[in-house]
Amino acid sequence: MNYITQDYIESYIRSTLKDREGLMKDMEEYASENHVPIVQKEVAALIEVLTKAVNAKRVLEVGTAIAYSTSIFAFAMGKDGHVTTIERNENMIEVAKENIKKNNLENQIKIIQDDAQEVLKYLEGEFDIIFLDGAKGQYNDFLDNCLRLLKVGGIIISDNILFKGMVATDELVIRRKRTIVNRMRQYLDYICNHPHLDTTIIPIGDGVAISYKKREV
C-alpha cells in the first residue's frame, strides 16, 4: 500500500494484469527478497504500453537497479531498440549485468556506472523516452539535461512522484523525508508549468508523471 489509491483498487488493478514469467518473475522475487525497489506491476504495464505507443527505439533510464524496468523497455522496443541506463551502485550493476545476459539483451542495453547528474551533463544523442527512477530528491537537478536529450515528441516518465502520498498531503510526511518531499513538489510544479512540456500525473504505483516535449527548449 502506497497511500496513492485505496488498497482494494490497487489490488484489483494488479489482478487484471498478466503475471510476468520466467526470468522476469525471478527478478521480481529477487527484488522482494532483497528489498530492492523496482517498478510496481501496474507501472511496468504502463511503461510497456507507452514504449510501444510512441514506437520508441532509444530509451534513457536513470536508475538501473537490477535491470528490471530496463529489460521491460528493451523487450517492448524489440531487437532494434536500445536502452542507455545509469547506475552508480556497483553491487546493483553486477546483478543487472547478469540479468541482462540471462535475458539475451546484451546488444540492446548499455550500463553507465557513475553519478547520474554528472553523466547527464556530458551525454549526447537524442532519446524517445527518458525514465527517471533514481534519487528522488535530484529530479530537479536532472531535468534540464533530460530536456536537452529528449526529442521533440518524446516523453519523460518520472516514477515515485507522489512518494507514498507524502507529496500530496502534509498529514503523511515523515520528518526525515521532508526535504525529499519539498524537492518533489518543486519538481512537479516545474514540469506541470514548463512552457515546453505537457504533463499529467497518474496515481498508480507510487505516482507517475508523464511529460510530453511539445517543442525545442
N, C-alpha and C. Protein backbone atom coordinates (compact mmCIF):
# COMPACT_ATOMS: atom_id res chain seq x y z
N MET A 1 0.85 -1.19 0.00
CA MET A 1 0.00 0.00 0.00
C MET A 1 0.88 1.25 0.00
N ASN A 2 0.66 2.13 -0.99
CA ASN A 2 1.47 3.34 -1.12
C ASN A 2 0.72 4.61 -0.74
N TYR A 3 -0.51 4.48 -0.25
CA TYR A 3 -1.32 5.63 0.12
C TYR A 3 -1.66 6.51 -1.09
N ILE A 4 -1.56 5.95 -2.30
CA ILE A 4 -1.88 6.69 -3.51
C ILE A 4 -3.34 6.45 -3.88
N THR A 5 -3.76 5.21 -3.82
CA THR A 5 -5.16 4.84 -4.06
C THR A 5 -5.60 3.91 -2.94
N GLN A 6 -6.89 3.66 -2.88
CA GLN A 6 -7.40 2.69 -1.92
C GLN A 6 -6.79 1.32 -2.23
N ASP A 7 -6.50 0.55 -1.18
CA ASP A 7 -5.81 -0.72 -1.39
C ASP A 7 -6.64 -1.69 -2.22
N TYR A 8 -7.97 -1.62 -2.13
CA TYR A 8 -8.78 -2.55 -2.91
C TYR A 8 -8.73 -2.20 -4.41
N ILE A 9 -8.57 -0.92 -4.74
CA ILE A 9 -8.43 -0.52 -6.14
C ILE A 9 -7.08 -0.99 -6.67
N GLU A 10 -6.03 -0.77 -5.87
CA GLU A 10 -4.69 -1.21 -6.25
C GLU A 10 -4.67 -2.71 -6.48
N SER A 11 -5.27 -3.47 -5.57
CA SER A 11 -5.30 -4.92 -5.69
C SER A 11 -6.07 -5.36 -6.93
N TYR A 12 -7.20 -4.68 -7.20
CA TYR A 12 -7.99 -5.05 -8.36
C TYR A 12 -7.24 -4.79 -9.66
N ILE A 13 -6.61 -3.61 -9.77
CA ILE A 13 -5.86 -3.29 -10.98
C ILE A 13 -4.78 -4.34 -11.22
N ARG A 14 -4.07 -4.70 -10.17
CA ARG A 14 -2.98 -5.69 -10.32
C ARG A 14 -3.53 -7.05 -10.71
N SER A 15 -4.73 -7.37 -10.24
CA SER A 15 -5.33 -8.67 -10.56
C SER A 15 -5.71 -8.77 -12.03
N THR A 16 -5.91 -7.61 -12.69
CA THR A 16 -6.29 -7.63 -14.11
C THR A 16 -5.09 -7.80 -15.03
N LEU A 17 -3.89 -7.61 -14.50
CA LEU A 17 -2.69 -7.64 -15.33
C LEU A 17 -2.06 -9.03 -15.30
N LYS A 18 -1.52 -9.43 -16.43
CA LYS A 18 -0.87 -10.73 -16.52
C LYS A 18 0.41 -10.73 -15.69
N ASP A 19 0.67 -11.85 -15.04
CA ASP A 19 1.91 -12.00 -14.29
C ASP A 19 3.07 -12.21 -15.25
N ARG A 20 4.23 -11.70 -14.90
CA ARG A 20 5.44 -11.96 -15.67
C ARG A 20 5.87 -13.41 -15.47
N GLU A 21 6.59 -13.92 -16.43
CA GLU A 21 7.03 -15.31 -16.35
C GLU A 21 8.54 -15.39 -16.49
N GLY A 22 9.09 -16.57 -16.23
CA GLY A 22 10.49 -16.83 -16.45
C GLY A 22 11.40 -15.95 -15.63
N LEU A 23 12.44 -15.42 -16.29
CA LEU A 23 13.44 -14.63 -15.58
C LEU A 23 12.85 -13.35 -15.01
N MET A 24 11.89 -12.74 -15.70
CA MET A 24 11.29 -11.52 -15.18
C MET A 24 10.59 -11.80 -13.84
N LYS A 25 9.94 -12.94 -13.73
CA LYS A 25 9.33 -13.34 -12.46
C LYS A 25 10.41 -13.56 -11.41
N ASP A 26 11.48 -14.20 -11.81
CA ASP A 26 12.61 -14.43 -10.88
C ASP A 26 13.17 -13.10 -10.38
N MET A 27 13.24 -12.12 -11.25
CA MET A 27 13.76 -10.81 -10.87
C MET A 27 12.83 -10.14 -9.86
N GLU A 28 11.52 -10.29 -10.04
CA GLU A 28 10.56 -9.75 -9.08
C GLU A 28 10.76 -10.38 -7.71
N GLU A 29 10.96 -11.70 -7.69
CA GLU A 29 11.14 -12.40 -6.42
C GLU A 29 12.46 -12.00 -5.76
N TYR A 30 13.51 -11.83 -6.56
CA TYR A 30 14.79 -11.38 -6.02
C TYR A 30 14.65 -10.00 -5.40
N ALA A 31 13.96 -9.11 -6.10
CA ALA A 31 13.77 -7.75 -5.59
C ALA A 31 13.01 -7.75 -4.28
N SER A 32 11.98 -8.58 -4.19
CA SER A 32 11.18 -8.66 -2.96
C SER A 32 12.01 -9.21 -1.80
N GLU A 33 12.75 -10.27 -2.07
CA GLU A 33 13.53 -10.92 -1.01
C GLU A 33 14.70 -10.05 -0.54
N ASN A 34 15.23 -9.22 -1.43
CA ASN A 34 16.41 -8.43 -1.10
C ASN A 34 16.10 -6.94 -0.92
N HIS A 35 14.81 -6.61 -0.87
CA HIS A 35 14.36 -5.23 -0.62
C HIS A 35 14.95 -4.25 -1.62
N VAL A 36 14.94 -4.67 -2.90
CA VAL A 36 15.39 -3.80 -3.98
C VAL A 36 14.15 -3.18 -4.63
N PRO A 37 14.05 -1.86 -4.66
CA PRO A 37 12.88 -1.23 -5.27
C PRO A 37 12.87 -1.37 -6.78
N ILE A 38 11.80 -1.92 -7.33
CA ILE A 38 11.59 -1.98 -8.77
C ILE A 38 10.21 -1.41 -9.07
N VAL A 39 9.94 -1.13 -10.33
CA VAL A 39 8.63 -0.60 -10.68
C VAL A 39 7.54 -1.62 -10.32
N GLN A 40 6.42 -1.10 -9.87
CA GLN A 40 5.33 -1.98 -9.49
C GLN A 40 4.59 -2.48 -10.73
N LYS A 41 3.79 -3.50 -10.53
CA LYS A 41 3.18 -4.23 -11.64
C LYS A 41 2.43 -3.32 -12.61
N GLU A 42 1.64 -2.41 -12.07
CA GLU A 42 0.84 -1.54 -12.93
C GLU A 42 1.71 -0.49 -13.63
N VAL A 43 2.80 -0.08 -12.99
CA VAL A 43 3.72 0.87 -13.63
C VAL A 43 4.51 0.17 -14.73
N ALA A 44 4.90 -1.07 -14.50
CA ALA A 44 5.58 -1.86 -15.53
C ALA A 44 4.70 -1.96 -16.78
N ALA A 45 3.41 -2.21 -16.57
CA ALA A 45 2.48 -2.31 -17.70
C ALA A 45 2.37 -0.97 -18.43
N LEU A 46 2.35 0.12 -17.66
CA LEU A 46 2.25 1.45 -18.26
C LEU A 46 3.45 1.76 -19.14
N ILE A 47 4.66 1.53 -18.63
CA ILE A 47 5.84 1.88 -19.43
C ILE A 47 5.96 0.98 -20.66
N GLU A 48 5.48 -0.24 -20.55
CA GLU A 48 5.50 -1.13 -21.70
C GLU A 48 4.56 -0.60 -22.79
N VAL A 49 3.35 -0.20 -22.40
CA VAL A 49 2.38 0.33 -23.36
C VAL A 49 2.87 1.63 -23.97
N LEU A 50 3.41 2.54 -23.14
CA LEU A 50 3.90 3.81 -23.65
C LEU A 50 5.06 3.62 -24.64
N THR A 51 5.94 2.69 -24.35
CA THR A 51 7.07 2.42 -25.24
C THR A 51 6.58 1.98 -26.61
N LYS A 52 5.60 1.10 -26.62
CA LYS A 52 5.05 0.64 -27.89
C LYS A 52 4.23 1.73 -28.58
N ALA A 53 3.50 2.52 -27.80
CA ALA A 53 2.62 3.55 -28.36
C ALA A 53 3.40 4.63 -29.11
N VAL A 54 4.57 5.01 -28.58
CA VAL A 54 5.36 6.06 -29.24
C VAL A 54 6.40 5.47 -30.19
N ASN A 55 6.37 4.15 -30.33
CA ASN A 55 7.33 3.45 -31.20
C ASN A 55 8.76 3.82 -30.85
N ALA A 56 9.05 3.80 -29.56
CA ALA A 56 10.38 4.20 -29.07
C ALA A 56 11.45 3.22 -29.54
N LYS A 57 12.60 3.77 -29.88
CA LYS A 57 13.75 2.96 -30.25
C LYS A 57 15.00 3.31 -29.44
N ARG A 58 14.93 4.46 -28.73
CA ARG A 58 16.05 4.84 -27.87
C ARG A 58 15.50 5.33 -26.54
N VAL A 59 15.90 4.65 -25.47
CA VAL A 59 15.43 4.98 -24.12
C VAL A 59 16.63 5.28 -23.24
N LEU A 60 16.49 6.34 -22.44
CA LEU A 60 17.49 6.67 -21.42
C LEU A 60 16.84 6.46 -20.06
N GLU A 61 17.50 5.68 -19.21
CA GLU A 61 16.97 5.37 -17.89
C GLU A 61 17.94 5.84 -16.82
N VAL A 62 17.43 6.54 -15.82
CA VAL A 62 18.22 6.95 -14.67
C VAL A 62 17.82 6.08 -13.49
N GLY A 63 18.69 5.15 -13.11
CA GLY A 63 18.40 4.22 -12.02
C GLY A 63 18.16 2.82 -12.54
N THR A 64 19.22 2.03 -12.68
CA THR A 64 19.12 0.69 -13.26
C THR A 64 18.63 -0.35 -12.26
N ALA A 65 19.16 -0.27 -11.04
CA ALA A 65 18.93 -1.31 -10.01
C ALA A 65 19.30 -2.68 -10.62
N ILE A 66 18.38 -3.63 -10.64
CA ILE A 66 18.70 -4.97 -11.14
C ILE A 66 18.32 -5.14 -12.61
N ALA A 67 18.02 -4.04 -13.29
CA ALA A 67 17.68 -4.03 -14.73
C ALA A 67 16.30 -4.60 -15.01
N TYR A 68 15.38 -4.45 -14.06
CA TYR A 68 14.02 -4.95 -14.28
C TYR A 68 13.28 -4.05 -15.28
N SER A 69 13.13 -2.77 -14.97
CA SER A 69 12.47 -1.87 -15.91
C SER A 69 13.29 -1.73 -17.19
N THR A 70 14.60 -1.79 -17.07
CA THR A 70 15.48 -1.75 -18.24
C THR A 70 15.10 -2.83 -19.23
N SER A 71 14.89 -4.03 -18.71
CA SER A 71 14.52 -5.17 -19.57
C SER A 71 13.14 -4.99 -20.16
N ILE A 72 12.21 -4.42 -19.40
CA ILE A 72 10.86 -4.19 -19.93
C ILE A 72 10.92 -3.25 -21.12
N PHE A 73 11.68 -2.17 -21.00
CA PHE A 73 11.85 -1.25 -22.13
C PHE A 73 12.45 -1.97 -23.34
N ALA A 74 13.51 -2.75 -23.10
CA ALA A 74 14.20 -3.43 -24.20
C ALA A 74 13.28 -4.42 -24.91
N PHE A 75 12.55 -5.21 -24.15
CA PHE A 75 11.62 -6.17 -24.75
C PHE A 75 10.52 -5.46 -25.53
N ALA A 76 10.01 -4.35 -24.97
CA ALA A 76 8.92 -3.62 -25.62
C ALA A 76 9.37 -3.00 -26.95
N MET A 77 10.62 -2.58 -27.03
CA MET A 77 11.13 -1.97 -28.27
C MET A 77 11.46 -3.00 -29.33
N GLY A 78 11.82 -4.20 -28.92
CA GLY A 78 12.26 -5.20 -29.88
C GLY A 78 13.76 -5.09 -30.13
N LYS A 79 14.25 -5.93 -31.02
CA LYS A 79 15.70 -6.08 -31.21
C LYS A 79 16.38 -4.85 -31.79
N ASP A 80 15.62 -3.94 -32.42
CA ASP A 80 16.24 -2.73 -32.96
C ASP A 80 16.17 -1.55 -32.00
N GLY A 81 15.73 -1.79 -30.76
CA GLY A 81 15.69 -0.75 -29.75
C GLY A 81 16.92 -0.81 -28.85
N HIS A 82 17.22 0.30 -28.18
CA HIS A 82 18.40 0.35 -27.32
C HIS A 82 18.12 1.18 -26.07
N VAL A 83 18.59 0.69 -24.93
CA VAL A 83 18.45 1.38 -23.65
C VAL A 83 19.83 1.77 -23.13
N THR A 84 20.00 3.04 -22.81
CA THR A 84 21.17 3.51 -22.07
C THR A 84 20.70 3.75 -20.64
N THR A 85 21.33 3.09 -19.69
CA THR A 85 20.86 3.17 -18.31
C THR A 85 22.01 3.53 -17.38
N ILE A 86 21.73 4.36 -16.39
CA ILE A 86 22.76 4.92 -15.50
C ILE A 86 22.55 4.40 -14.08
N GLU A 87 23.61 3.88 -13.48
CA GLU A 87 23.56 3.36 -12.12
C GLU A 87 24.92 3.57 -11.46
N ARG A 88 24.92 4.01 -10.21
CA ARG A 88 26.20 4.23 -9.53
C ARG A 88 26.56 3.12 -8.55
N ASN A 89 25.59 2.28 -8.17
CA ASN A 89 25.82 1.23 -7.18
C ASN A 89 26.47 0.02 -7.86
N GLU A 90 27.71 -0.24 -7.51
CA GLU A 90 28.48 -1.31 -8.16
C GLU A 90 27.83 -2.68 -7.95
N ASN A 91 27.30 -2.93 -6.75
CA ASN A 91 26.67 -4.23 -6.49
C ASN A 91 25.43 -4.43 -7.35
N MET A 92 24.63 -3.36 -7.50
CA MET A 92 23.45 -3.44 -8.35
C MET A 92 23.85 -3.70 -9.80
N ILE A 93 24.92 -3.07 -10.24
CA ILE A 93 25.36 -3.23 -11.62
C ILE A 93 25.74 -4.68 -11.91
N GLU A 94 26.39 -5.33 -10.96
CA GLU A 94 26.77 -6.73 -11.17
C GLU A 94 25.54 -7.62 -11.34
N VAL A 95 24.53 -7.38 -10.51
CA VAL A 95 23.28 -8.15 -10.63
C VAL A 95 22.60 -7.81 -11.95
N ALA A 96 22.57 -6.54 -12.29
CA ALA A 96 21.93 -6.09 -13.52
C ALA A 96 22.58 -6.73 -14.74
N LYS A 97 23.90 -6.75 -14.78
CA LYS A 97 24.61 -7.34 -15.91
C LYS A 97 24.27 -8.82 -16.07
N GLU A 98 24.16 -9.51 -14.95
CA GLU A 98 23.81 -10.94 -15.00
C GLU A 98 22.40 -11.13 -15.55
N ASN A 99 21.47 -10.29 -15.11
CA ASN A 99 20.10 -10.40 -15.61
C ASN A 99 20.00 -10.04 -17.09
N ILE A 100 20.74 -9.03 -17.50
CA ILE A 100 20.75 -8.65 -18.91
C ILE A 100 21.28 -9.78 -19.77
N LYS A 101 22.32 -10.43 -19.29
CA LYS A 101 22.89 -11.56 -20.01
C LYS A 101 21.90 -12.72 -20.11
N LYS A 102 21.24 -13.04 -19.00
CA LYS A 102 20.26 -14.13 -18.99
C LYS A 102 19.09 -13.83 -19.92
N ASN A 103 18.74 -12.56 -20.05
CA ASN A 103 17.63 -12.16 -20.92
C ASN A 103 18.04 -11.97 -22.37
N ASN A 104 19.32 -12.23 -22.67
CA ASN A 104 19.86 -12.07 -24.02
C ASN A 104 19.65 -10.66 -24.56
N LEU A 105 19.91 -9.68 -23.69
CA LEU A 105 19.70 -8.29 -24.06
C LEU A 105 21.00 -7.49 -24.08
N GLU A 106 22.11 -8.19 -24.14
CA GLU A 106 23.41 -7.52 -24.06
C GLU A 106 23.64 -6.54 -25.22
N ASN A 107 23.07 -6.83 -26.39
CA ASN A 107 23.25 -5.94 -27.54
C ASN A 107 22.29 -4.75 -27.51
N GLN A 108 21.34 -4.77 -26.58
CA GLN A 108 20.33 -3.72 -26.55
C GLN A 108 20.47 -2.76 -25.36
N ILE A 109 21.30 -3.13 -24.38
CA ILE A 109 21.39 -2.35 -23.15
C ILE A 109 22.83 -1.97 -22.86
N LYS A 110 23.05 -0.70 -22.58
CA LYS A 110 24.37 -0.20 -22.15
C LYS A 110 24.22 0.41 -20.77
N ILE A 111 25.03 -0.06 -19.82
CA ILE A 111 25.03 0.49 -18.46
C ILE A 111 26.20 1.45 -18.31
N ILE A 112 25.90 2.64 -17.81
CA ILE A 112 26.95 3.61 -17.47
C ILE A 112 27.02 3.69 -15.95
N GLN A 113 28.20 3.37 -15.39
CA GLN A 113 28.37 3.42 -13.95
C GLN A 113 28.94 4.77 -13.54
N ASP A 114 28.11 5.58 -12.91
CA ASP A 114 28.55 6.90 -12.44
C ASP A 114 27.34 7.58 -11.80
N ASP A 115 27.58 8.75 -11.24
CA ASP A 115 26.51 9.57 -10.71
C ASP A 115 25.72 10.16 -11.88
N ALA A 116 24.41 10.01 -11.85
CA ALA A 116 23.57 10.41 -12.98
C ALA A 116 23.71 11.88 -13.31
N GLN A 117 23.82 12.72 -12.30
CA GLN A 117 23.91 14.15 -12.54
C GLN A 117 25.14 14.50 -13.38
N GLU A 118 26.25 13.80 -13.14
CA GLU A 118 27.46 14.03 -13.90
C GLU A 118 27.34 13.45 -15.31
N VAL A 119 26.79 12.26 -15.43
CA VAL A 119 26.65 11.62 -16.74
C VAL A 119 25.77 12.46 -17.66
N LEU A 120 24.66 12.96 -17.13
CA LEU A 120 23.71 13.71 -17.94
C LEU A 120 24.31 14.99 -18.52
N LYS A 121 25.28 15.54 -17.84
CA LYS A 121 25.92 16.78 -18.32
C LYS A 121 26.64 16.56 -19.65
N TYR A 122 27.20 15.36 -19.83
CA TYR A 122 28.07 15.11 -20.97
C TYR A 122 27.50 14.12 -21.97
N LEU A 123 26.37 13.51 -21.65
CA LEU A 123 25.77 12.53 -22.55
C LEU A 123 25.28 13.22 -23.81
N GLU A 124 25.44 12.55 -24.94
CA GLU A 124 24.98 13.09 -26.22
C GLU A 124 23.97 12.13 -26.84
N GLY A 125 23.28 12.62 -27.84
CA GLY A 125 22.29 11.79 -28.52
C GLY A 125 20.89 12.33 -28.29
N GLU A 126 19.94 11.63 -28.86
CA GLU A 126 18.54 12.03 -28.76
C GLU A 126 17.72 10.80 -28.40
N PHE A 127 16.83 10.95 -27.42
CA PHE A 127 16.08 9.81 -26.90
C PHE A 127 14.58 10.02 -27.09
N ASP A 128 13.89 8.91 -27.29
CA ASP A 128 12.43 8.93 -27.44
C ASP A 128 11.73 8.96 -26.09
N ILE A 129 12.31 8.25 -25.12
CA ILE A 129 11.77 8.19 -23.76
C ILE A 129 12.92 8.34 -22.78
N ILE A 130 12.70 9.14 -21.75
CA ILE A 130 13.62 9.20 -20.62
C ILE A 130 12.85 8.78 -19.38
N PHE A 131 13.38 7.82 -18.66
CA PHE A 131 12.72 7.27 -17.47
C PHE A 131 13.52 7.65 -16.24
N LEU A 132 12.93 8.47 -15.38
CA LEU A 132 13.58 8.88 -14.13
C LEU A 132 13.12 8.00 -12.98
N ASP A 133 14.05 7.22 -12.45
CA ASP A 133 13.74 6.32 -11.34
C ASP A 133 14.96 6.22 -10.43
N GLY A 134 15.67 7.33 -10.31
CA GLY A 134 16.86 7.37 -9.46
C GLY A 134 16.57 8.08 -8.15
N ALA A 135 17.55 8.84 -7.67
CA ALA A 135 17.40 9.55 -6.40
C ALA A 135 16.28 10.58 -6.50
N LYS A 136 15.25 10.42 -5.67
CA LYS A 136 14.03 11.22 -5.81
C LYS A 136 14.27 12.71 -5.56
N GLY A 137 15.20 13.02 -4.69
CA GLY A 137 15.45 14.42 -4.39
C GLY A 137 16.25 15.14 -5.46
N GLN A 138 16.69 14.41 -6.50
CA GLN A 138 17.54 15.00 -7.54
C GLN A 138 16.84 15.19 -8.88
N TYR A 139 15.56 14.89 -8.96
CA TYR A 139 14.85 15.02 -10.24
C TYR A 139 15.00 16.42 -10.82
N ASN A 140 14.91 17.44 -9.96
CA ASN A 140 15.08 18.81 -10.43
C ASN A 140 16.45 19.02 -11.08
N ASP A 141 17.46 18.41 -10.49
CA ASP A 141 18.82 18.56 -11.00
C ASP A 141 19.00 17.86 -12.35
N PHE A 142 18.21 16.83 -12.60
CA PHE A 142 18.32 16.07 -13.84
C PHE A 142 17.61 16.75 -15.02
N LEU A 143 16.59 17.54 -14.74
CA LEU A 143 15.61 17.89 -15.76
C LEU A 143 16.17 18.66 -16.94
N ASP A 144 16.97 19.69 -16.71
CA ASP A 144 17.43 20.50 -17.84
C ASP A 144 18.19 19.67 -18.86
N ASN A 145 19.07 18.80 -18.39
CA ASN A 145 19.82 17.95 -19.32
C ASN A 145 18.92 16.88 -19.95
N CYS A 146 17.93 16.41 -19.22
CA CYS A 146 16.98 15.46 -19.81
C CYS A 146 16.21 16.11 -20.95
N LEU A 147 15.82 17.37 -20.77
CA LEU A 147 15.11 18.08 -21.84
C LEU A 147 16.01 18.28 -23.05
N ARG A 148 17.28 18.51 -22.82
CA ARG A 148 18.24 18.64 -23.91
C ARG A 148 18.36 17.35 -24.70
N LEU A 149 18.29 16.23 -24.02
CA LEU A 149 18.49 14.92 -24.64
C LEU A 149 17.21 14.31 -25.22
N LEU A 150 16.06 14.86 -24.84
CA LEU A 150 14.79 14.32 -25.29
C LEU A 150 14.38 14.93 -26.62
N LYS A 151 13.94 14.10 -27.55
CA LYS A 151 13.50 14.63 -28.84
C LYS A 151 12.15 15.33 -28.69
N VAL A 152 11.85 16.25 -29.59
CA VAL A 152 10.51 16.83 -29.64
C VAL A 152 9.53 15.70 -29.99
N GLY A 153 8.47 15.59 -29.21
CA GLY A 153 7.54 14.47 -29.37
C GLY A 153 7.86 13.30 -28.46
N GLY A 154 8.98 13.41 -27.73
CA GLY A 154 9.35 12.36 -26.78
C GLY A 154 8.71 12.60 -25.43
N ILE A 155 8.86 11.62 -24.53
CA ILE A 155 8.24 11.73 -23.21
C ILE A 155 9.25 11.42 -22.10
N ILE A 156 9.08 12.14 -21.00
CA ILE A 156 9.79 11.83 -19.76
C ILE A 156 8.80 11.16 -18.82
N ILE A 157 9.17 10.00 -18.32
CA ILE A 157 8.37 9.28 -17.34
C ILE A 157 9.08 9.40 -16.00
N SER A 158 8.44 10.01 -15.02
CA SER A 158 9.03 10.20 -13.69
C SER A 158 8.31 9.32 -12.69
N ASP A 159 9.03 8.38 -12.09
CA ASP A 159 8.40 7.43 -11.17
C ASP A 159 8.49 7.91 -9.72
N ASN A 160 7.64 7.34 -8.87
CA ASN A 160 7.61 7.62 -7.42
C ASN A 160 7.33 9.10 -7.14
N ILE A 161 6.54 9.70 -7.98
CA ILE A 161 6.37 11.15 -7.96
C ILE A 161 5.52 11.64 -6.79
N LEU A 162 4.70 10.75 -6.22
CA LEU A 162 3.88 11.13 -5.07
C LEU A 162 4.45 10.62 -3.75
N PHE A 163 5.50 9.82 -3.83
CA PHE A 163 6.31 9.41 -2.69
C PHE A 163 5.47 8.98 -1.49
N LYS A 164 4.77 7.85 -1.68
CA LYS A 164 3.93 7.25 -0.64
C LYS A 164 2.83 8.20 -0.15
N GLY A 165 2.40 9.08 -1.04
CA GLY A 165 1.34 10.02 -0.71
C GLY A 165 1.80 11.28 -0.01
N MET A 166 3.05 11.32 0.43
CA MET A 166 3.55 12.46 1.21
C MET A 166 3.54 13.75 0.41
N VAL A 167 3.76 13.65 -0.90
CA VAL A 167 3.80 14.84 -1.73
C VAL A 167 2.42 15.50 -1.79
N ALA A 168 1.38 14.69 -1.67
CA ALA A 168 0.02 15.21 -1.80
C ALA A 168 -0.54 15.81 -0.51
N THR A 169 -0.03 15.38 0.64
CA THR A 169 -0.56 15.89 1.90
C THR A 169 0.49 15.87 3.01
N ASP A 170 0.54 16.94 3.78
CA ASP A 170 1.48 17.01 4.90
C ASP A 170 1.13 16.02 6.00
N GLU A 171 -0.10 15.52 6.01
CA GLU A 171 -0.52 14.59 7.06
C GLU A 171 0.29 13.30 7.03
N LEU A 172 0.85 12.96 5.87
CA LEU A 172 1.60 11.72 5.73
C LEU A 172 3.12 11.92 5.80
N VAL A 173 3.56 13.16 5.83
CA VAL A 173 5.00 13.43 5.74
C VAL A 173 5.73 12.98 7.00
N ILE A 174 6.77 12.19 6.78
CA ILE A 174 7.69 11.80 7.85
C ILE A 174 8.78 12.85 7.93
N ARG A 175 9.11 13.29 9.13
CA ARG A 175 10.03 14.42 9.29
C ARG A 175 11.32 14.24 8.51
N ARG A 176 11.91 13.06 8.57
CA ARG A 176 13.20 12.87 7.91
C ARG A 176 13.08 12.86 6.37
N LYS A 177 11.85 12.82 5.86
CA LYS A 177 11.63 12.83 4.41
C LYS A 177 11.18 14.20 3.91
N ARG A 178 11.14 15.18 4.78
CA ARG A 178 10.62 16.49 4.42
C ARG A 178 11.37 17.12 3.25
N THR A 179 12.69 17.02 3.24
CA THR A 179 13.47 17.63 2.17
C THR A 179 13.14 17.00 0.82
N ILE A 180 13.06 15.67 0.77
CA ILE A 180 12.72 14.98 -0.48
C ILE A 180 11.33 15.39 -0.94
N VAL A 181 10.38 15.44 -0.01
CA VAL A 181 9.01 15.81 -0.35
C VAL A 181 8.97 17.22 -0.93
N ASN A 182 9.66 18.15 -0.32
CA ASN A 182 9.67 19.53 -0.80
C ASN A 182 10.30 19.62 -2.19
N ARG A 183 11.37 18.86 -2.40
CA ARG A 183 12.01 18.88 -3.71
C ARG A 183 11.11 18.26 -4.78
N MET A 184 10.40 17.20 -4.41
CA MET A 184 9.50 16.58 -5.37
C MET A 184 8.33 17.50 -5.71
N ARG A 185 7.82 18.23 -4.73
CA ARG A 185 6.77 19.20 -5.00
C ARG A 185 7.27 20.29 -5.96
N GLN A 186 8.49 20.74 -5.75
CA GLN A 186 9.08 21.75 -6.64
C GLN A 186 9.22 21.20 -8.06
N TYR A 187 9.64 19.95 -8.15
CA TYR A 187 9.80 19.31 -9.46
C TYR A 187 8.45 19.21 -10.18
N LEU A 188 7.43 18.78 -9.48
CA LEU A 188 6.11 18.67 -10.09
C LEU A 188 5.58 20.03 -10.54
N ASP A 189 5.80 21.03 -9.71
CA ASP A 189 5.36 22.38 -10.09
C ASP A 189 6.09 22.83 -11.36
N TYR A 190 7.37 22.50 -11.45
CA TYR A 190 8.17 22.90 -12.61
C TYR A 190 7.71 22.21 -13.89
N ILE A 191 7.56 20.87 -13.84
CA ILE A 191 7.19 20.17 -15.08
C ILE A 191 5.73 20.41 -15.46
N CYS A 192 4.88 20.69 -14.50
CA CYS A 192 3.47 20.94 -14.81
C CYS A 192 3.25 22.33 -15.40
N ASN A 193 4.22 23.22 -15.19
CA ASN A 193 4.08 24.59 -15.68
C ASN A 193 5.16 24.96 -16.69
N HIS A 194 5.95 23.99 -17.10
CA HIS A 194 7.03 24.25 -18.04
C HIS A 194 6.45 24.57 -19.42
N PRO A 195 6.89 25.65 -20.06
CA PRO A 195 6.30 26.05 -21.34
C PRO A 195 6.55 25.08 -22.49
N HIS A 196 7.49 24.17 -22.34
CA HIS A 196 7.82 23.25 -23.43
C HIS A 196 7.29 21.84 -23.16
N LEU A 197 6.57 21.66 -22.08
CA LEU A 197 6.07 20.34 -21.70
C LEU A 197 4.56 20.35 -21.48
N ASP A 198 3.93 19.25 -21.82
CA ASP A 198 2.58 18.95 -21.36
C ASP A 198 2.71 17.77 -20.40
N THR A 199 2.21 17.92 -19.18
CA THR A 199 2.43 16.92 -18.14
C THR A 199 1.12 16.47 -17.52
N THR A 200 1.05 15.18 -17.22
CA THR A 200 -0.06 14.64 -16.44
C THR A 200 0.51 13.76 -15.33
N ILE A 201 -0.24 13.66 -14.23
CA ILE A 201 0.17 12.82 -13.10
C ILE A 201 -0.85 11.70 -12.95
N ILE A 202 -0.34 10.48 -12.86
CA ILE A 202 -1.20 9.31 -12.78
C ILE A 202 -1.03 8.65 -11.42
N PRO A 203 -2.11 8.49 -10.66
CA PRO A 203 -2.00 7.92 -9.31
C PRO A 203 -2.00 6.40 -9.29
N ILE A 204 -0.97 5.81 -9.88
CA ILE A 204 -0.76 4.37 -9.78
C ILE A 204 0.63 4.12 -9.23
N GLY A 205 0.86 2.91 -8.71
CA GLY A 205 2.15 2.63 -8.10
C GLY A 205 2.40 3.62 -6.98
N ASP A 206 3.53 4.30 -7.08
CA ASP A 206 3.88 5.35 -6.12
C ASP A 206 3.73 6.73 -6.75
N GLY A 207 2.92 6.79 -7.81
CA GLY A 207 2.71 8.03 -8.54
C GLY A 207 3.64 8.14 -9.73
N VAL A 208 3.08 8.41 -10.91
CA VAL A 208 3.87 8.53 -12.13
C VAL A 208 3.50 9.82 -12.84
N ALA A 209 4.50 10.59 -13.26
CA ALA A 209 4.26 11.77 -14.09
C ALA A 209 4.75 11.47 -15.50
N ILE A 210 3.93 11.88 -16.49
CA ILE A 210 4.31 11.72 -17.90
C ILE A 210 4.34 13.11 -18.52
N SER A 211 5.49 13.47 -19.07
CA SER A 211 5.68 14.79 -19.65
C SER A 211 6.03 14.67 -21.12
N TYR A 212 5.26 15.34 -21.97
CA TYR A 212 5.45 15.31 -23.43
C TYR A 212 6.16 16.58 -23.86
N LYS A 213 7.26 16.43 -24.59
CA LYS A 213 8.02 17.59 -25.08
C LYS A 213 7.41 18.08 -26.38
N LYS A 214 6.77 19.23 -26.31
CA LYS A 214 6.00 19.71 -27.47
C LYS A 214 6.80 20.63 -28.40
N ARG A 215 7.90 21.18 -27.92
CA ARG A 215 8.77 21.97 -28.79
C ARG A 215 10.16 22.04 -28.18
N GLU A 216 11.10 22.48 -29.01
CA GLU A 216 12.50 22.51 -28.58
C GLU A 216 12.69 23.55 -27.48
N VAL A 217 13.57 23.22 -26.55
CA VAL A 217 13.87 24.14 -25.45
C VAL A 217 14.80 25.24 -25.93
